[in-house]
């Protein structure tokens, strides 16, 4: 797979006709991001329950500045400096019913 960046093209070439000799080959590896690895850990980041038979969900907030730090889940997100939190279904229900 070949990936080209705009910065790889020489200046002065006409639009649509880049100098192919200047394009660098970049290798793209498909790696897991932290969200996927946190979800695959099968552990609730709020109550700590873990297991393969339990379904987990992602709680997401729009902005960190909207967190007030009054609830336990808000404190957990502030401490981790993350807008997402992997929680079990029961904790996710508690989060939405407390708001």
PDB file of N, CA and C in Angstrom:
ATOM      1  N   UNK A   1       0.846  -1.175   0.000  1.00  0.00           N
ATOM      2  CA  UNK A   1       0.000   0.000   0.000  1.00  0.00           C
ATOM      3  C   UNK A   1       0.888   1.233   0.000  1.00  0.00           C
ATOM      4  N   UNK A   2       0.582   2.182  -0.837  1.00  0.00           N
ATOM      5  CA  UNK A   2       1.388   3.384  -0.929  1.00  0.00           C
ATOM      6  C   UNK A   2       0.581   4.571  -0.434  1.00  0.00           C
ATOM      7  N   UNK A   3       1.167   5.328   0.461  1.00  0.00           N
ATOM      8  CA  UNK A   3       0.524   6.514   1.005  1.00  0.00           C
ATOM      9  C   UNK A   3       1.394   7.705   0.654  1.00  0.00           C
ATOM     10  N   UNK A   4       0.793   8.740   0.102  1.00  0.00           N
ATOM     11  CA  UNK A   4       1.553   9.934  -0.268  1.00  0.00           C
ATOM     12  C   UNK A   4       1.011  11.124   0.514  1.00  0.00           C
ATOM     13  N   UNK A   5       1.912  11.997   0.940  1.00  0.00           N
ATOM     14  CA  UNK A   5       1.529  13.223   1.624  1.00  0.00           C
ATOM     15  C   UNK A   5       1.724  14.385   0.663  1.00  0.00           C
ATOM     16  N   UNK A   6       0.971  15.453   0.861  1.00  0.00           N
ATOM     17  CA  UNK A   6       1.131  16.629   0.015  1.00  0.00           C
ATOM     18  C   UNK A   6       2.533  17.208   0.144  1.00  0.00           C
ATOM     19  N   UNK A   7       3.140  17.056   1.303  1.00  0.00           N
ATOM     20  CA  UNK A   7       4.478  17.615   1.492  1.00  0.00           C
ATOM     21  C   UNK A   7       5.540  16.843   0.702  1.00  0.00           C
ATOM     22  N   UNK A   8       5.196  15.657   0.198  1.00  0.00           N
ATOM     23  CA  UNK A   8       6.150  14.864  -0.570  1.00  0.00           C
ATOM     24  C   UNK A   8       6.303  15.353  -2.012  1.00  0.00           C
ATOM     25  N   UNK A   9       5.352  16.142  -2.500  1.00  0.00           N
ATOM     26  CA  UNK A   9       5.401  16.612  -3.877  1.00  0.00           C
ATOM     27  C   UNK A   9       6.256  17.861  -3.981  1.00  0.00           C
ATOM     28  N   UNK A  10       6.945  17.996  -5.108  1.00  0.00           N
ATOM     29  CA  UNK A  10       7.770  19.178  -5.344  1.00  0.00           C
ATOM     30  C   UNK A  10       6.882  20.364  -5.656  1.00  0.00           C
ATOM     31  N   UNK A  11       7.302  21.522  -5.224  1.00  0.00           N
ATOM     32  CA  UNK A  11       6.571  22.739  -5.573  1.00  0.00           C
ATOM     33  C   UNK A  11       6.867  23.075  -7.032  1.00  0.00           C
ATOM     34  N   UNK A  12       5.938  23.699  -7.675  1.00  0.00           N
ATOM     35  CA  UNK A  12       6.140  24.108  -9.053  1.00  0.00           C
ATOM     36  C   UNK A  12       5.553  23.148 -10.062  1.00  0.00           C
ATOM     37  N   UNK A  13       5.122  21.964  -9.624  1.00  0.00           N
ATOM     38  CA  UNK A  13       4.485  21.060 -10.573  1.00  0.00           C
ATOM     39  C   UNK A  13       3.034  21.469 -10.730  1.00  0.00           C
ATOM     40  N   UNK A  14       2.483  21.206 -11.893  1.00  0.00           N
ATOM     41  CA  UNK A  14       1.085  21.560 -12.155  1.00  0.00           C
ATOM     42  C   UNK A  14       0.176  20.680 -11.300  1.00  0.00           C
ATOM     43  N   UNK A  15      -0.974  21.218 -10.950  1.00  0.00           N
ATOM     44  CA  UNK A  15      -1.929  20.445 -10.158  1.00  0.00           C
ATOM     45  C   UNK A  15      -2.330  19.190 -10.906  1.00  0.00           C
ATOM     46  N   UNK A  16      -2.355  18.087 -10.219  1.00  0.00           N
ATOM     47  CA  UNK A  16      -2.757  16.829 -10.827  1.00  0.00           C
ATOM     48  C   UNK A  16      -1.617  16.081 -11.495  1.00  0.00           C
ATOM     49  N   UNK A  17      -0.442  16.683 -11.637  1.00  0.00           N
ATOM     50  CA  UNK A  17       0.683  15.985 -12.250  1.00  0.00           C
ATOM     51  C   UNK A  17       1.888  16.063 -11.314  1.00  0.00           C
ATOM     52  N   UNK A  18       1.838  15.382 -10.185  1.00  0.00           N
ATOM     53  CA  UNK A  18       2.979  15.433  -9.268  1.00  0.00           C
ATOM     54  C   UNK A  18       4.165  14.658  -9.830  1.00  0.00           C
ATOM     55  N   UNK A  19       5.322  15.025  -9.394  1.00  0.00           N
ATOM     56  CA  UNK A  19       6.535  14.328  -9.788  1.00  0.00           C
ATOM     57  C   UNK A  19       6.609  13.052  -8.961  1.00  0.00           C
ATOM     58  N   UNK A  20       6.345  11.920  -9.590  1.00  0.00           N
ATOM     59  CA  UNK A  20       6.246  10.648  -8.880  1.00  0.00           C
ATOM     60  C   UNK A  20       7.579  10.257  -8.246  1.00  0.00           C
ATOM     61  N   UNK A  21       8.690  10.696  -8.796  1.00  0.00           N
ATOM     62  CA  UNK A  21       9.993  10.340  -8.243  1.00  0.00           C
ATOM     63  C   UNK A  21      10.183  10.885  -6.836  1.00  0.00           C
ATOM     64  N   UNK A  22       9.482  11.967  -6.507  1.00  0.00           N
ATOM     65  CA  UNK A  22       9.674  12.563  -5.189  1.00  0.00           C
ATOM     66  C   UNK A  22       8.751  11.980  -4.123  1.00  0.00           C
ATOM     67  N   UNK A  23       7.802  11.142  -4.533  1.00  0.00           N
ATOM     68  CA  UNK A  23       6.878  10.548  -3.574  1.00  0.00           C
ATOM     69  C   UNK A  23       7.604   9.454  -2.806  1.00  0.00           C
ATOM     70  N   UNK A  24       7.510   9.531  -1.491  1.00  0.00           N
ATOM     71  CA  UNK A  24       8.158   8.536  -0.643  1.00  0.00           C
ATOM     72  C   UNK A  24       7.174   7.422  -0.320  1.00  0.00           C
ATOM     73  N   UNK A  25       7.655   6.228  -0.217  1.00  0.00           N
ATOM     74  CA  UNK A  25       6.811   5.107   0.179  1.00  0.00           C
ATOM     75  C   UNK A  25       6.718   5.072   1.699  1.00  0.00           C
ATOM     76  N   UNK A  26       5.517   4.996   2.182  1.00  0.00           N
ATOM     77  CA  UNK A  26       5.272   4.915   3.615  1.00  0.00           C
ATOM     78  C   UNK A  26       4.546   3.612   3.897  1.00  0.00           C
ATOM     79  N   UNK A  27       4.987   2.911   4.895  1.00  0.00           N
ATOM     80  CA  UNK A  27       4.348   1.660   5.266  1.00  0.00           C
ATOM     81  C   UNK A  27       3.318   1.971   6.335  1.00  0.00           C
ATOM     82  N   UNK A  28       2.100   1.476   6.138  1.00  0.00           N
ATOM     83  CA  UNK A  28       1.017   1.697   7.084  1.00  0.00           C
ATOM     84  C   UNK A  28       0.764   0.393   7.828  1.00  0.00           C
ATOM     85  N   UNK A  29       0.959   0.392   9.119  1.00  0.00           N
ATOM     86  CA  UNK A  29       0.708  -0.783   9.940  1.00  0.00           C
ATOM     87  C   UNK A  29      -0.637  -0.621  10.619  1.00  0.00           C
ATOM     88  N   UNK A  30      -1.404  -1.681  10.674  1.00  0.00           N
ATOM     89  CA  UNK A  30      -2.673  -1.600  11.396  1.00  0.00           C
ATOM     90  C   UNK A  30      -2.410  -2.027  12.840  1.00  0.00           C
ATOM     91  N   UNK A  31      -2.335  -1.059  13.714  1.00  0.00           N
ATOM     92  CA  UNK A  31      -2.096  -1.329  15.120  1.00  0.00           C
ATOM     93  C   UNK A  31      -3.336  -0.987  15.912  1.00  0.00           C
ATOM     94  N   UNK A  32      -3.454  -1.562  17.072  1.00  0.00           N
ATOM     95  CA  UNK A  32      -4.588  -1.273  17.930  1.00  0.00           C
ATOM     96  C   UNK A  32      -4.366   0.059  18.624  1.00  0.00           C
ATOM     97  N   UNK A  33      -5.419   0.818  18.729  1.00  0.00           N
ATOM     98  CA  UNK A  33      -5.314   2.041  19.494  1.00  0.00           C
ATOM     99  C   UNK A  33      -5.637   1.745  20.955  1.00  0.00           C
ATOM    100  N   UNK A  34      -5.467   2.714  21.789  1.00  0.00           N
ATOM    101  CA  UNK A  34      -5.652   2.476  23.221  1.00  0.00           C
ATOM    102  C   UNK A  34      -7.100   2.162  23.546  1.00  0.00           C
ATOM    103  N   UNK A  35      -8.050   2.730  22.810  1.00  0.00           N
ATOM    104  CA  UNK A  35      -9.458   2.470  23.087  1.00  0.00           C
ATOM    105  C   UNK A  35      -9.802   1.010  22.820  1.00  0.00           C
ATOM    106  N   UNK A  36      -9.298   0.486  21.720  1.00  0.00           N
ATOM    107  CA  UNK A  36      -9.566  -0.909  21.391  1.00  0.00           C
ATOM    108  C   UNK A  36      -8.923  -1.849  22.408  1.00  0.00           C
ATOM    109  N   UNK A  37      -7.711  -1.556  22.818  1.00  0.00           N
ATOM    110  CA  UNK A  37      -7.055  -2.423  23.798  1.00  0.00           C
ATOM    111  C   UNK A  37      -7.724  -2.321  25.164  1.00  0.00           C
ATOM    112  N   UNK A  38      -8.230  -1.140  25.521  1.00  0.00           N
ATOM    113  CA  UNK A  38      -8.951  -0.988  26.788  1.00  0.00           C
ATOM    114  C   UNK A  38     -10.262  -1.760  26.755  1.00  0.00           C
ATOM    115  N   UNK A  39     -10.927  -1.785  25.605  1.00  0.00           N
ATOM    116  CA  UNK A  39     -12.183  -2.514  25.466  1.00  0.00           C
ATOM    117  C   UNK A  39     -11.952  -4.020  25.487  1.00  0.00           C
ATOM    118  N   UNK A  40     -10.866  -4.461  24.865  1.00  0.00           N
ATOM    119  CA  UNK A  40     -10.553  -5.893  24.835  1.00  0.00           C
ATOM    120  C   UNK A  40     -10.037  -6.413  26.175  1.00  0.00           C
ATOM    121  N   UNK A  41      -9.691  -5.525  27.093  1.00  0.00           N
ATOM    122  CA  UNK A  41      -9.231  -5.942  28.418  1.00  0.00           C
ATOM    123  C   UNK A  41     -10.366  -6.539  29.242  1.00  0.00           C
ATOM    124  N   UNK A  42     -11.620  -6.291  28.836  1.00  0.00           N
ATOM    125  CA  UNK A  42     -12.813  -6.828  29.503  1.00  0.00           C
ATOM    126  C   UNK A  42     -12.822  -6.484  30.984  1.00  0.00           C
ATOM    127  N   UNK A  43     -12.574  -5.210  31.297  1.00  0.00           N
ATOM    128  CA  UNK A  43     -12.584  -4.758  32.680  1.00  0.00           C
ATOM    129  C   UNK A  43     -13.256  -3.392  32.753  1.00  0.00           C
ATOM    130  N   UNK A  44     -14.192  -3.245  33.673  1.00  0.00           N
ATOM    131  CA  UNK A  44     -14.874  -1.974  33.867  1.00  0.00           C
ATOM    132  C   UNK A  44     -13.911  -1.018  34.569  1.00  0.00           C
ATOM    133  N   UNK A  45     -13.717   0.158  33.994  1.00  0.00           N
ATOM    134  CA  UNK A  45     -12.779   1.118  34.552  1.00  0.00           C
ATOM    135  C   UNK A  45     -13.384   1.907  35.708  1.00  0.00           C
ATOM    136  N   UNK A  46     -14.656   1.655  36.018  1.00  0.00           N
ATOM    137  CA  UNK A  46     -15.302   2.364  37.108  1.00  0.00           C
ATOM    138  C   UNK A  46     -15.437   1.480  38.345  1.00  0.00           C
ATOM    139  N   UNK A  47     -16.059   0.308  38.183  1.00  0.00           N
ATOM    140  CA  UNK A  47     -16.257  -0.557  39.355  1.00  0.00           C
ATOM    141  C   UNK A  47     -15.224  -1.674  39.456  1.00  0.00           C
ATOM    142  N   UNK A  48     -14.514  -1.966  38.371  1.00  0.00           N
ATOM    143  CA  UNK A  48     -13.448  -2.960  38.406  1.00  0.00           C
ATOM    144  C   UNK A  48     -13.882  -4.376  38.084  1.00  0.00           C
ATOM    145  N   UNK A  49     -15.159  -4.608  37.792  1.00  0.00           N
ATOM    146  CA  UNK A  49     -15.612  -5.949  37.461  1.00  0.00           C
ATOM    147  C   UNK A  49     -14.996  -6.355  36.124  1.00  0.00           C
ATOM    148  N   UNK A  50     -14.623  -7.634  36.017  1.00  0.00           N
ATOM    149  CA  UNK A  50     -14.026  -8.112  34.775  1.00  0.00           C
ATOM    150  C   UNK A  50     -14.540  -9.488  34.435  1.00  0.00           C
ATOM    151  N   UNK A  51     -14.530  -9.812  33.164  1.00  0.00           N
ATOM    152  CA  UNK A  51     -14.979 -11.117  32.709  1.00  0.00           C
ATOM    153  C   UNK A  51     -15.335 -11.084  31.242  1.00  0.00           C
ATOM    154  N   UNK A  52     -15.297 -12.260  30.619  1.00  0.00           N
ATOM    155  CA  UNK A  52     -15.588 -12.352  29.189  1.00  0.00           C
ATOM    156  C   UNK A  52     -17.079 -12.354  28.907  1.00  0.00           C
ATOM    157  N   UNK A  53     -17.894 -12.831  29.843  1.00  0.00           N
ATOM    158  CA  UNK A  53     -19.332 -12.918  29.631  1.00  0.00           C
ATOM    159  C   UNK A  53     -20.059 -11.601  29.842  1.00  0.00           C
ATOM    160  N   UNK A  54     -19.377 -10.601  30.343  1.00  0.00           N
ATOM    161  CA  UNK A  54     -19.991  -9.307  30.634  1.00  0.00           C
ATOM    162  C   UNK A  54     -19.820  -8.403  29.421  1.00  0.00           C
ATOM    163  N   UNK A  55     -20.885  -7.667  29.079  1.00  0.00           N
ATOM    164  CA  UNK A  55     -20.762  -6.738  27.949  1.00  0.00           C
ATOM    165  C   UNK A  55     -20.334  -5.367  28.468  1.00  0.00           C
ATOM    166  N   UNK A  56     -19.445  -4.743  27.724  1.00  0.00           N
ATOM    167  CA  UNK A  56     -18.891  -3.449  28.112  1.00  0.00           C
ATOM    168  C   UNK A  56     -19.269  -2.406  27.075  1.00  0.00           C
ATOM    169  N   UNK A  57     -19.407  -1.169  27.531  1.00  0.00           N
ATOM    170  CA  UNK A  57     -19.779  -0.066  26.670  1.00  0.00           C
ATOM    171  C   UNK A  57     -18.810   1.083  26.889  1.00  0.00           C
ATOM    172  N   UNK A  58     -18.802   2.028  25.953  1.00  0.00           N
ATOM    173  CA  UNK A  58     -17.932   3.187  26.044  1.00  0.00           C
ATOM    174  C   UNK A  58     -18.776   4.397  26.407  1.00  0.00           C
ATOM    175  N   UNK A  59     -18.430   5.056  27.502  1.00  0.00           N
ATOM    176  CA  UNK A  59     -19.086   6.320  27.841  1.00  0.00           C
ATOM    177  C   UNK A  59     -18.193   7.442  27.334  1.00  0.00           C
ATOM    178  N   UNK A  60     -18.789   8.393  26.623  1.00  0.00           N
ATOM    179  CA  UNK A  60     -18.030   9.446  25.968  1.00  0.00           C
ATOM    180  C   UNK A  60     -18.627  10.798  26.303  1.00  0.00           C
ATOM    181  N   UNK A  61     -17.773  11.769  26.597  1.00  0.00           N
ATOM    182  CA  UNK A  61     -18.220  13.150  26.795  1.00  0.00           C
ATOM    183  C   UNK A  61     -17.649  14.012  25.676  1.00  0.00           C
ATOM    184  N   UNK A  62     -18.317  15.113  25.379  1.00  0.00           N
ATOM    185  CA  UNK A  62     -17.867  15.982  24.286  1.00  0.00           C
ATOM    186  C   UNK A  62     -16.582  16.713  24.625  1.00  0.00           C
ATOM    187  N   UNK A  63     -16.522  17.312  25.810  1.00  0.00           N
ATOM    188  CA  UNK A  63     -15.354  18.105  26.178  1.00  0.00           C
ATOM    189  C   UNK A  63     -14.980  17.825  27.631  1.00  0.00           C
ATOM    190  N   UNK A  64     -13.683  17.802  27.889  1.00  0.00           N
ATOM    191  CA  UNK A  64     -13.209  17.591  29.257  1.00  0.00           C
ATOM    192  C   UNK A  64     -13.614  18.743  30.171  1.00  0.00           C
ATOM    193  N   UNK A  65     -13.722  19.934  29.618  1.00  0.00           N
ATOM    194  CA  UNK A  65     -14.047  21.092  30.452  1.00  0.00           C
ATOM    195  C   UNK A  65     -15.489  21.040  30.947  1.00  0.00           C
ATOM    196  N   UNK A  66     -16.334  20.185  30.346  1.00  0.00           N
ATOM    197  CA  UNK A  66     -17.712  20.041  30.799  1.00  0.00           C
ATOM    198  C   UNK A  66     -17.832  19.161  32.042  1.00  0.00           C
ATOM    199  N   UNK A  67     -16.764  18.466  32.426  1.00  0.00           N
ATOM    200  CA  UNK A  67     -16.791  17.615  33.616  1.00  0.00           C
ATOM    201  C   UNK A  67     -16.629  18.471  34.862  1.00  0.00           C
ATOM    202  N   UNK A  68     -17.534  18.299  35.806  1.00  0.00           N
ATOM    203  CA  UNK A  68     -17.518  19.112  37.023  1.00  0.00           C
ATOM    204  C   UNK A  68     -16.719  18.454  38.151  1.00  0.00           C
ATOM    205  N   UNK A  69     -16.581  17.129  38.103  1.00  0.00           N
ATOM    206  CA  UNK A  69     -15.833  16.431  39.153  1.00  0.00           C
ATOM    207  C   UNK A  69     -16.664  16.117  40.373  1.00  0.00           C
ATOM    208  N   UNK A  70     -17.989  16.096  40.223  1.00  0.00           N
ATOM    209  CA  UNK A  70     -18.875  15.814  41.358  1.00  0.00           C
ATOM    210  C   UNK A  70     -19.194  14.335  41.491  1.00  0.00           C
ATOM    211  N   UNK A  71     -19.245  13.630  40.388  1.00  0.00           N
ATOM    212  CA  UNK A  71     -19.583  12.210  40.390  1.00  0.00           C
ATOM    213  C   UNK A  71     -18.312  11.367  40.302  1.00  0.00           C
ATOM    214  N   UNK A  72     -18.445  10.088  40.691  1.00  0.00           N
ATOM    215  CA  UNK A  72     -17.293   9.179  40.672  1.00  0.00           C
ATOM    216  C   UNK A  72     -16.777   8.977  39.248  1.00  0.00           C
ATOM    217  N   UNK A  73     -17.680   8.839  38.278  1.00  0.00           N
ATOM    218  CA  UNK A  73     -17.253   8.615  36.899  1.00  0.00           C
ATOM    219  C   UNK A  73     -16.562   9.853  36.331  1.00  0.00           C
ATOM    220  N   UNK A  74     -16.980  11.042  36.745  1.00  0.00           N
ATOM    221  CA  UNK A  74     -16.310  12.262  36.289  1.00  0.00           C
ATOM    222  C   UNK A  74     -14.896  12.339  36.847  1.00  0.00           C
ATOM    223  N   UNK A  75     -14.739  11.967  38.106  1.00  0.00           N
ATOM    224  CA  UNK A  75     -13.406  11.961  38.716  1.00  0.00           C
ATOM    225  C   UNK A  75     -12.485  10.963  38.028  1.00  0.00           C
ATOM    226  N   UNK A  76     -13.044   9.797  37.634  1.00  0.00           N
ATOM    227  CA  UNK A  76     -12.241   8.780  36.940  1.00  0.00           C
ATOM    228  C   UNK A  76     -11.764   9.299  35.580  1.00  0.00           C
ATOM    229  N   UNK A  77     -12.632  10.014  34.877  1.00  0.00           N
ATOM    230  CA  UNK A  77     -12.254  10.553  33.565  1.00  0.00           C
ATOM    231  C   UNK A  77     -11.233  11.679  33.709  1.00  0.00           C
ATOM    232  N   UNK A  78     -11.407  12.512  34.707  1.00  0.00           N
ATOM    233  CA  UNK A  78     -10.460  13.604  34.944  1.00  0.00           C
ATOM    234  C   UNK A  78      -9.089  13.047  35.319  1.00  0.00           C
ATOM    235  N   UNK A  79      -9.069  12.010  36.170  1.00  0.00           N
ATOM    236  CA  UNK A  79      -7.802  11.418  36.594  1.00  0.00           C
ATOM    237  C   UNK A  79      -7.065  10.769  35.428  1.00  0.00           C
ATOM    238  N   UNK A  80      -7.802  10.143  34.520  1.00  0.00           N
ATOM    239  CA  UNK A  80      -7.181   9.492  33.368  1.00  0.00           C
ATOM    240  C   UNK A  80      -6.886  10.459  32.224  1.00  0.00           C
ATOM    241  N   UNK A  81      -7.457  11.664  32.302  1.00  0.00           N
ATOM    242  CA  UNK A  81      -7.340  12.659  31.228  1.00  0.00           C
ATOM    243  C   UNK A  81      -7.835  12.083  29.907  1.00  0.00           C
ATOM    244  N   UNK A  82      -9.009  11.438  29.968  1.00  0.00           N
ATOM    245  CA  UNK A  82      -9.623  10.810  28.802  1.00  0.00           C
ATOM    246  C   UNK A  82     -11.075  11.235  28.698  1.00  0.00           C
ATOM    247  N   UNK A  83     -11.556  11.367  27.457  1.00  0.00           N
ATOM    248  CA  UNK A  83     -12.960  11.683  27.222  1.00  0.00           C
ATOM    249  C   UNK A  83     -13.801  10.421  27.145  1.00  0.00           C
ATOM    250  N   UNK A  84     -13.167   9.264  27.182  1.00  0.00           N
ATOM    251  CA  UNK A  84     -13.884   7.999  27.098  1.00  0.00           C
ATOM    252  C   UNK A  84     -13.610   7.162  28.329  1.00  0.00           C
ATOM    253  N   UNK A  85     -14.583   6.332  28.667  1.00  0.00           N
ATOM    254  CA  UNK A  85     -14.464   5.456  29.821  1.00  0.00           C
ATOM    255  C   UNK A  85     -15.116   4.131  29.448  1.00  0.00           C
ATOM    256  N   UNK A  86     -14.403   3.014  29.587  1.00  0.00           N
ATOM    257  CA  UNK A  86     -14.952   1.690  29.315  1.00  0.00           C
ATOM    258  C   UNK A  86     -15.641   1.215  30.589  1.00  0.00           C
ATOM    259  N   UNK A  87     -16.957   1.028  30.511  1.00  0.00           N
ATOM    260  CA  UNK A  87     -17.743   0.645  31.695  1.00  0.00           C
ATOM    261  C   UNK A  87     -18.657  -0.520  31.353  1.00  0.00           C
ATOM    262  N   UNK A  88     -19.078  -1.257  32.393  1.00  0.00           N
ATOM    263  CA  UNK A  88     -20.054  -2.322  32.209  1.00  0.00           C
ATOM    264  C   UNK A  88     -21.434  -1.696  32.025  1.00  0.00           C
ATOM    265  N   UNK A  89     -22.398  -2.510  31.603  1.00  0.00           N
ATOM    266  CA  UNK A  89     -23.742  -1.981  31.336  1.00  0.00           C
ATOM    267  C   UNK A  89     -24.373  -1.379  32.578  1.00  0.00           C
ATOM    268  N   UNK A  90     -24.170  -2.004  33.732  1.00  0.00           N
ATOM    269  CA  UNK A  90     -24.763  -1.501  34.970  1.00  0.00           C
ATOM    270  C   UNK A  90     -24.209  -0.124  35.336  1.00  0.00           C
ATOM    271  N   UNK A  91     -22.908   0.044  35.210  1.00  0.00           N
ATOM    272  CA  UNK A  91     -22.295   1.347  35.509  1.00  0.00           C
ATOM    273  C   UNK A  91     -22.735   2.400  34.501  1.00  0.00           C
ATOM    274  N   UNK A  92     -22.906   1.984  33.234  1.00  0.00           N
ATOM    275  CA  UNK A  92     -23.343   2.925  32.207  1.00  0.00           C
ATOM    276  C   UNK A  92     -24.763   3.411  32.502  1.00  0.00           C
ATOM    277  N   UNK A  93     -25.625   2.508  32.973  1.00  0.00           N
ATOM    278  CA  UNK A  93     -26.982   2.907  33.355  1.00  0.00           C
ATOM    279  C   UNK A  93     -26.943   3.871  34.533  1.00  0.00           C
ATOM    280  N   UNK A  94     -26.074   3.604  35.518  1.00  0.00           N
ATOM    281  CA  UNK A  94     -25.951   4.488  36.685  1.00  0.00           C
ATOM    282  C   UNK A  94     -25.471   5.882  36.274  1.00  0.00           C
ATOM    283  N   UNK A  95     -24.559   5.944  35.310  1.00  0.00           N
ATOM    284  CA  UNK A  95     -24.044   7.233  34.836  1.00  0.00           C
ATOM    285  C   UNK A  95     -25.167   8.052  34.229  1.00  0.00           C
ATOM    286  N   UNK A  96     -25.994   7.420  33.396  1.00  0.00           N
ATOM    287  CA  UNK A  96     -27.063   8.160  32.720  1.00  0.00           C
ATOM    288  C   UNK A  96     -28.220   8.498  33.656  1.00  0.00           C
ATOM    289  N   UNK A  97     -28.460   7.678  34.668  1.00  0.00           N
ATOM    290  CA  UNK A  97     -29.546   7.971  35.600  1.00  0.00           C
ATOM    291  C   UNK A  97     -29.133   8.992  36.654  1.00  0.00           C
ATOM    292  N   UNK A  98     -27.835   9.168  36.872  1.00  0.00           N
ATOM    293  CA  UNK A  98     -27.373  10.163  37.854  1.00  0.00           C
ATOM    294  C   UNK A  98     -27.358  11.560  37.262  1.00  0.00           C
ATOM    295  N   UNK A  99     -27.274  11.661  35.931  1.00  0.00           N
ATOM    296  CA  UNK A  99     -27.188  12.977  35.279  1.00  0.00           C
ATOM    297  C   UNK A  99     -28.532  13.654  35.191  1.00  0.00           C
TER     298      UNK A  99
END
